[in-house]
């Protein structure tokens, strides 16, 4: 059961982060003052991918809470770091971001840690 929950967490988090990044790049830079926060709220409710992103984050959150009921925190947090690996790859191939050698090496180190937890 813990691997099913972990898979849900990873997939929901990755999808949420990709959707957020995609929509925020489309919307351009936003200011953080009081007016900017109001515009940001209007932006969130008007963009379907941002709303879907929030729903995915909620799924991830509740799956993480369920995972903590069946697995120790010392497993749950490091294992959920698999999101970093998938997000790095998808940022490069889906969002067309530049991912240098250092980021790739870092993602591979994280992958090694997740694989160590799997055994």
N, C-alpha and C. Protein backbone atom coordinates (compact mmCIF):
# COMPACT_ATOMS: atom_id res chain seq x y z
N UNK A 1 0.82 -1.21 0.00
CA UNK A 1 0.00 0.00 0.00
C UNK A 1 0.86 1.27 0.00
N UNK A 2 2.01 1.19 0.69
CA UNK A 2 2.83 2.40 0.77
C UNK A 2 3.38 2.80 -0.60
N UNK A 3 3.67 1.81 -1.46
CA UNK A 3 4.18 2.15 -2.79
C UNK A 3 3.10 2.75 -3.67
N UNK A 4 1.87 2.33 -3.49
CA UNK A 4 0.75 2.93 -4.23
C UNK A 4 0.57 4.38 -3.80
N UNK A 5 0.56 4.61 -2.49
CA UNK A 5 0.43 5.97 -1.98
C UNK A 5 1.59 6.85 -2.43
N UNK A 6 2.80 6.30 -2.38
CA UNK A 6 3.97 7.06 -2.82
C UNK A 6 3.86 7.42 -4.29
N UNK A 7 3.38 6.49 -5.11
CA UNK A 7 3.20 6.77 -6.53
C UNK A 7 2.19 7.88 -6.75
N UNK A 8 1.11 7.86 -5.99
CA UNK A 8 0.10 8.92 -6.09
C UNK A 8 0.70 10.26 -5.72
N UNK A 9 1.46 10.28 -4.63
CA UNK A 9 2.10 11.53 -4.19
C UNK A 9 3.01 12.07 -5.28
N UNK A 10 3.87 11.22 -5.79
CA UNK A 10 4.85 11.66 -6.79
C UNK A 10 4.14 12.16 -8.05
N UNK A 11 3.22 11.39 -8.58
CA UNK A 11 2.53 11.79 -9.81
C UNK A 11 1.71 13.06 -9.64
N UNK A 12 0.99 13.16 -8.53
CA UNK A 12 0.17 14.35 -8.29
C UNK A 12 1.03 15.59 -8.09
N UNK A 13 2.14 15.45 -7.37
CA UNK A 13 3.02 16.59 -7.14
C UNK A 13 3.69 17.04 -8.43
N UNK A 14 4.18 16.10 -9.21
CA UNK A 14 4.83 16.43 -10.48
C UNK A 14 3.84 17.12 -11.41
N UNK A 15 2.65 16.58 -11.54
CA UNK A 15 1.65 17.19 -12.41
C UNK A 15 1.30 18.59 -11.92
N UNK A 16 1.14 18.75 -10.62
CA UNK A 16 0.82 20.06 -10.06
C UNK A 16 1.92 21.08 -10.37
N UNK A 17 3.17 20.70 -10.13
CA UNK A 17 4.27 21.64 -10.36
C UNK A 17 4.43 21.99 -11.84
N UNK A 18 4.25 21.01 -12.71
CA UNK A 18 4.34 21.30 -14.15
C UNK A 18 3.23 22.25 -14.60
N UNK A 19 2.03 22.00 -14.13
CA UNK A 19 0.91 22.87 -14.50
C UNK A 19 1.11 24.29 -13.97
N UNK A 20 1.59 24.40 -12.74
CA UNK A 20 1.86 25.73 -12.17
C UNK A 20 2.91 26.46 -13.00
N UNK A 21 3.99 25.79 -13.30
CA UNK A 21 5.06 26.42 -14.05
C UNK A 21 4.58 26.86 -15.43
N UNK A 22 3.86 25.99 -16.11
CA UNK A 22 3.34 26.31 -17.44
C UNK A 22 2.46 27.56 -17.40
N UNK A 23 1.51 27.58 -16.49
CA UNK A 23 0.57 28.71 -16.42
C UNK A 23 1.24 30.00 -15.97
N UNK A 24 2.16 29.91 -15.03
CA UNK A 24 2.79 31.13 -14.54
C UNK A 24 3.73 31.71 -15.60
N UNK A 25 4.34 30.88 -16.40
CA UNK A 25 5.16 31.40 -17.49
C UNK A 25 4.28 32.06 -18.55
N UNK A 26 3.11 31.51 -18.76
CA UNK A 26 2.16 32.11 -19.72
C UNK A 26 1.65 33.46 -19.23
N UNK A 27 1.50 33.61 -17.92
CA UNK A 27 0.90 34.84 -17.40
C UNK A 27 1.90 35.97 -17.25
N UNK A 28 3.19 35.66 -17.27
CA UNK A 28 4.20 36.71 -17.11
C UNK A 28 4.44 37.05 -15.65
N UNK A 29 5.35 37.97 -15.44
CA UNK A 29 5.74 38.34 -14.08
C UNK A 29 4.61 39.09 -13.37
N UNK A 30 4.40 38.75 -12.12
CA UNK A 30 3.35 39.37 -11.30
C UNK A 30 4.00 40.10 -10.13
N UNK A 31 3.44 41.23 -9.74
CA UNK A 31 3.96 41.94 -8.57
C UNK A 31 3.36 41.33 -7.30
N UNK A 32 3.99 41.61 -6.17
CA UNK A 32 3.58 40.97 -4.92
C UNK A 32 2.90 41.97 -3.97
N UNK A 33 2.65 43.19 -4.40
CA UNK A 33 1.96 44.14 -3.53
C UNK A 33 0.48 43.78 -3.41
N UNK A 34 -0.29 44.59 -2.68
CA UNK A 34 -1.70 44.28 -2.45
C UNK A 34 -2.48 44.14 -3.77
N UNK A 35 -2.24 45.03 -4.71
CA UNK A 35 -2.91 44.93 -6.00
C UNK A 35 -2.48 43.69 -6.75
N UNK A 36 -1.20 43.38 -6.67
CA UNK A 36 -0.66 42.20 -7.34
C UNK A 36 -1.27 40.92 -6.81
N UNK A 37 -1.52 40.87 -5.50
CA UNK A 37 -2.14 39.68 -4.91
C UNK A 37 -3.57 39.51 -5.42
N UNK A 38 -4.27 40.61 -5.56
CA UNK A 38 -5.63 40.54 -6.11
C UNK A 38 -5.62 40.04 -7.54
N UNK A 39 -4.68 40.56 -8.34
CA UNK A 39 -4.56 40.08 -9.73
C UNK A 39 -4.20 38.61 -9.76
N UNK A 40 -3.33 38.20 -8.83
CA UNK A 40 -2.91 36.80 -8.78
C UNK A 40 -4.11 35.91 -8.46
N UNK A 41 -4.96 36.33 -7.53
CA UNK A 41 -6.15 35.54 -7.19
C UNK A 41 -7.09 35.43 -8.39
N UNK A 42 -7.27 36.53 -9.12
CA UNK A 42 -8.11 36.49 -10.32
C UNK A 42 -7.49 35.58 -11.38
N UNK A 43 -6.18 35.63 -11.47
CA UNK A 43 -5.48 34.77 -12.42
C UNK A 43 -5.70 33.30 -12.08
N UNK A 44 -5.61 32.96 -10.81
CA UNK A 44 -5.78 31.57 -10.38
C UNK A 44 -7.16 31.05 -10.74
N UNK A 45 -8.19 31.82 -10.44
CA UNK A 45 -9.54 31.32 -10.71
C UNK A 45 -9.91 31.36 -12.19
N UNK A 46 -9.14 32.10 -13.00
CA UNK A 46 -9.47 32.17 -14.42
C UNK A 46 -8.69 31.17 -15.27
N UNK A 47 -7.70 30.53 -14.70
CA UNK A 47 -6.87 29.59 -15.45
C UNK A 47 -7.15 28.16 -15.01
N UNK A 48 -7.67 27.36 -15.91
CA UNK A 48 -8.08 26.00 -15.56
C UNK A 48 -6.89 25.13 -15.13
N UNK A 49 -5.72 25.35 -15.73
CA UNK A 49 -4.57 24.54 -15.34
C UNK A 49 -4.09 24.88 -13.93
N UNK A 50 -4.25 26.12 -13.51
CA UNK A 50 -3.89 26.48 -12.13
C UNK A 50 -4.87 25.83 -11.15
N UNK A 51 -6.14 25.82 -11.50
CA UNK A 51 -7.11 25.16 -10.63
C UNK A 51 -6.85 23.66 -10.57
N UNK A 52 -6.51 23.06 -11.70
CA UNK A 52 -6.17 21.64 -11.72
C UNK A 52 -4.90 21.39 -10.90
N UNK A 53 -3.97 22.31 -10.94
CA UNK A 53 -2.75 22.21 -10.16
C UNK A 53 -3.06 22.19 -8.66
N UNK A 54 -3.96 23.03 -8.24
CA UNK A 54 -4.35 23.07 -6.83
C UNK A 54 -5.02 21.75 -6.43
N UNK A 55 -5.86 21.23 -7.30
CA UNK A 55 -6.50 19.94 -7.02
C UNK A 55 -5.46 18.82 -6.91
N UNK A 56 -4.47 18.83 -7.79
CA UNK A 56 -3.41 17.82 -7.72
C UNK A 56 -2.61 17.94 -6.42
N UNK A 57 -2.34 19.17 -5.99
CA UNK A 57 -1.63 19.35 -4.73
C UNK A 57 -2.45 18.83 -3.55
N UNK A 58 -3.75 19.00 -3.61
CA UNK A 58 -4.61 18.47 -2.54
C UNK A 58 -4.56 16.94 -2.53
N UNK A 59 -4.59 16.33 -3.70
CA UNK A 59 -4.47 14.86 -3.78
C UNK A 59 -3.15 14.42 -3.18
N UNK A 60 -2.08 15.10 -3.54
CA UNK A 60 -0.75 14.78 -3.01
C UNK A 60 -0.72 14.91 -1.49
N UNK A 61 -1.29 15.98 -0.98
CA UNK A 61 -1.30 16.23 0.47
C UNK A 61 -2.04 15.11 1.22
N UNK A 62 -3.22 14.75 0.74
CA UNK A 62 -3.99 13.72 1.44
C UNK A 62 -3.37 12.34 1.29
N UNK A 63 -2.74 12.07 0.15
CA UNK A 63 -2.03 10.81 -0.02
C UNK A 63 -0.82 10.76 0.91
N UNK A 64 -0.16 11.88 1.11
CA UNK A 64 0.98 11.93 2.03
C UNK A 64 0.52 11.67 3.46
N UNK A 65 -0.61 12.25 3.83
CA UNK A 65 -1.15 11.99 5.17
C UNK A 65 -1.46 10.50 5.34
N UNK A 66 -2.02 9.88 4.32
CA UNK A 66 -2.33 8.45 4.38
C UNK A 66 -1.04 7.63 4.44
N UNK A 67 -0.02 8.04 3.70
CA UNK A 67 1.26 7.33 3.72
C UNK A 67 1.87 7.36 5.11
N UNK A 68 1.74 8.48 5.79
CA UNK A 68 2.31 8.58 7.14
C UNK A 68 1.62 7.66 8.13
N UNK A 69 0.44 7.18 7.81
CA UNK A 69 -0.25 6.23 8.67
C UNK A 69 0.29 4.81 8.51
N UNK A 70 0.94 4.53 7.36
CA UNK A 70 1.42 3.17 7.11
C UNK A 70 2.93 3.06 6.96
N UNK A 71 3.63 4.20 6.94
CA UNK A 71 5.08 4.19 6.76
C UNK A 71 5.69 5.28 7.64
N UNK A 72 6.92 5.07 8.07
CA UNK A 72 7.57 6.09 8.90
C UNK A 72 7.94 7.33 8.08
N UNK A 73 8.01 8.45 8.75
CA UNK A 73 8.39 9.71 8.12
C UNK A 73 9.77 9.59 7.47
N UNK A 74 10.65 8.83 8.09
CA UNK A 74 12.01 8.66 7.56
C UNK A 74 12.02 7.94 6.22
N UNK A 75 10.93 7.29 5.85
CA UNK A 75 10.77 6.71 4.52
C UNK A 75 10.00 7.67 3.61
N UNK A 76 8.91 8.22 4.13
CA UNK A 76 7.98 8.99 3.30
C UNK A 76 8.62 10.23 2.67
N UNK A 77 9.34 10.99 3.46
CA UNK A 77 9.90 12.23 2.93
C UNK A 77 11.01 11.97 1.90
N UNK A 78 12.02 11.15 2.23
CA UNK A 78 13.05 10.92 1.21
C UNK A 78 12.50 10.22 -0.04
N UNK A 79 11.60 9.29 0.10
CA UNK A 79 11.07 8.59 -1.06
C UNK A 79 10.26 9.53 -1.96
N UNK A 80 9.56 10.48 -1.36
CA UNK A 80 8.79 11.43 -2.17
C UNK A 80 9.70 12.40 -2.92
N UNK A 81 11.00 12.38 -2.62
CA UNK A 81 11.95 13.21 -3.36
C UNK A 81 12.09 12.76 -4.80
N UNK A 82 11.50 11.63 -5.13
CA UNK A 82 11.50 11.19 -6.53
C UNK A 82 10.85 12.23 -7.43
N UNK A 83 10.05 13.11 -6.85
CA UNK A 83 9.45 14.19 -7.65
C UNK A 83 10.53 15.05 -8.29
N UNK A 84 11.65 15.25 -7.60
CA UNK A 84 12.73 16.08 -8.14
C UNK A 84 13.28 15.49 -9.43
N UNK A 85 13.40 14.20 -9.46
CA UNK A 85 13.95 13.52 -10.64
C UNK A 85 12.99 13.67 -11.82
N UNK A 86 11.73 13.36 -11.60
CA UNK A 86 10.74 13.46 -12.68
C UNK A 86 10.55 14.91 -13.14
N UNK A 87 10.50 15.82 -12.18
CA UNK A 87 10.30 17.22 -12.54
C UNK A 87 11.47 17.78 -13.34
N UNK A 88 12.67 17.37 -13.01
CA UNK A 88 13.84 17.83 -13.76
C UNK A 88 13.77 17.32 -15.20
N UNK A 89 13.45 16.06 -15.37
CA UNK A 89 13.35 15.49 -16.73
C UNK A 89 12.21 16.14 -17.51
N UNK A 90 11.06 16.29 -16.88
CA UNK A 90 9.92 16.87 -17.59
C UNK A 90 10.11 18.36 -17.87
N UNK A 91 10.81 19.06 -16.98
CA UNK A 91 11.10 20.47 -17.24
C UNK A 91 11.92 20.60 -18.52
N UNK A 92 12.84 19.68 -18.70
CA UNK A 92 13.69 19.71 -19.90
C UNK A 92 12.90 19.35 -21.16
N UNK A 93 12.13 18.27 -21.09
CA UNK A 93 11.50 17.75 -22.30
C UNK A 93 10.12 18.31 -22.58
N UNK A 94 9.37 18.67 -21.57
CA UNK A 94 8.01 19.19 -21.79
C UNK A 94 8.01 20.72 -21.80
N UNK A 95 8.65 21.33 -20.80
CA UNK A 95 8.66 22.79 -20.70
C UNK A 95 9.81 23.42 -21.48
N UNK A 96 10.68 22.58 -22.02
CA UNK A 96 11.82 23.04 -22.83
C UNK A 96 12.77 23.94 -22.04
N UNK A 97 12.95 23.65 -20.75
CA UNK A 97 13.88 24.41 -19.93
C UNK A 97 15.29 23.87 -20.13
N UNK A 98 16.26 24.73 -19.91
CA UNK A 98 17.65 24.30 -20.00
C UNK A 98 18.03 23.66 -18.66
N UNK A 99 18.46 22.42 -18.72
CA UNK A 99 18.89 21.70 -17.52
C UNK A 99 20.36 21.35 -17.72
N UNK A 100 21.21 22.00 -16.94
CA UNK A 100 22.64 21.79 -17.09
C UNK A 100 23.13 20.50 -16.44
N UNK A 101 24.43 20.30 -16.56
CA UNK A 101 25.05 19.09 -16.03
C UNK A 101 24.94 19.00 -14.51
N UNK A 102 25.06 20.12 -13.82
CA UNK A 102 24.99 20.10 -12.35
C UNK A 102 23.61 19.71 -11.87
N UNK A 103 22.58 20.25 -12.51
CA UNK A 103 21.21 19.87 -12.12
C UNK A 103 20.93 18.42 -12.43
N UNK A 104 21.41 17.97 -13.57
CA UNK A 104 21.23 16.57 -13.94
C UNK A 104 21.94 15.66 -12.93
N UNK A 105 23.15 16.03 -12.56
CA UNK A 105 23.90 15.24 -11.57
C UNK A 105 23.17 15.23 -10.23
N UNK A 106 22.64 16.37 -9.83
CA UNK A 106 21.89 16.44 -8.58
C UNK A 106 20.65 15.56 -8.61
N UNK A 107 19.93 15.59 -9.72
CA UNK A 107 18.73 14.75 -9.85
C UNK A 107 19.11 13.27 -9.81
N UNK A 108 20.24 12.92 -10.42
CA UNK A 108 20.67 11.52 -10.40
C UNK A 108 21.09 11.09 -8.99
N UNK A 109 21.69 12.00 -8.23
CA UNK A 109 22.02 11.69 -6.84
C UNK A 109 20.75 11.43 -6.01
N UNK A 110 19.74 12.25 -6.24
CA UNK A 110 18.46 12.05 -5.55
C UNK A 110 17.87 10.70 -5.95
N UNK A 111 17.93 10.38 -7.23
CA UNK A 111 17.43 9.09 -7.71
C UNK A 111 18.16 7.94 -7.01
N UNK A 112 19.47 8.07 -6.85
CA UNK A 112 20.23 7.05 -6.12
C UNK A 112 19.75 6.88 -4.71
N UNK A 113 19.45 7.99 -4.03
CA UNK A 113 18.93 7.91 -2.67
C UNK A 113 17.57 7.24 -2.60
N UNK A 114 16.71 7.55 -3.56
CA UNK A 114 15.38 6.92 -3.59
C UNK A 114 15.52 5.43 -3.84
N UNK A 115 16.43 5.05 -4.73
CA UNK A 115 16.64 3.61 -5.00
C UNK A 115 17.19 2.89 -3.77
N UNK A 116 18.03 3.55 -2.99
CA UNK A 116 18.52 2.95 -1.75
C UNK A 116 17.37 2.69 -0.78
N UNK A 117 16.40 3.57 -0.74
CA UNK A 117 15.24 3.38 0.14
C UNK A 117 14.37 2.23 -0.32
N UNK A 118 14.38 1.95 -1.60
CA UNK A 118 13.50 0.93 -2.16
C UNK A 118 13.94 -0.49 -1.74
N UNK A 119 15.18 -0.64 -1.36
CA UNK A 119 15.69 -1.98 -1.02
C UNK A 119 15.64 -2.24 0.45
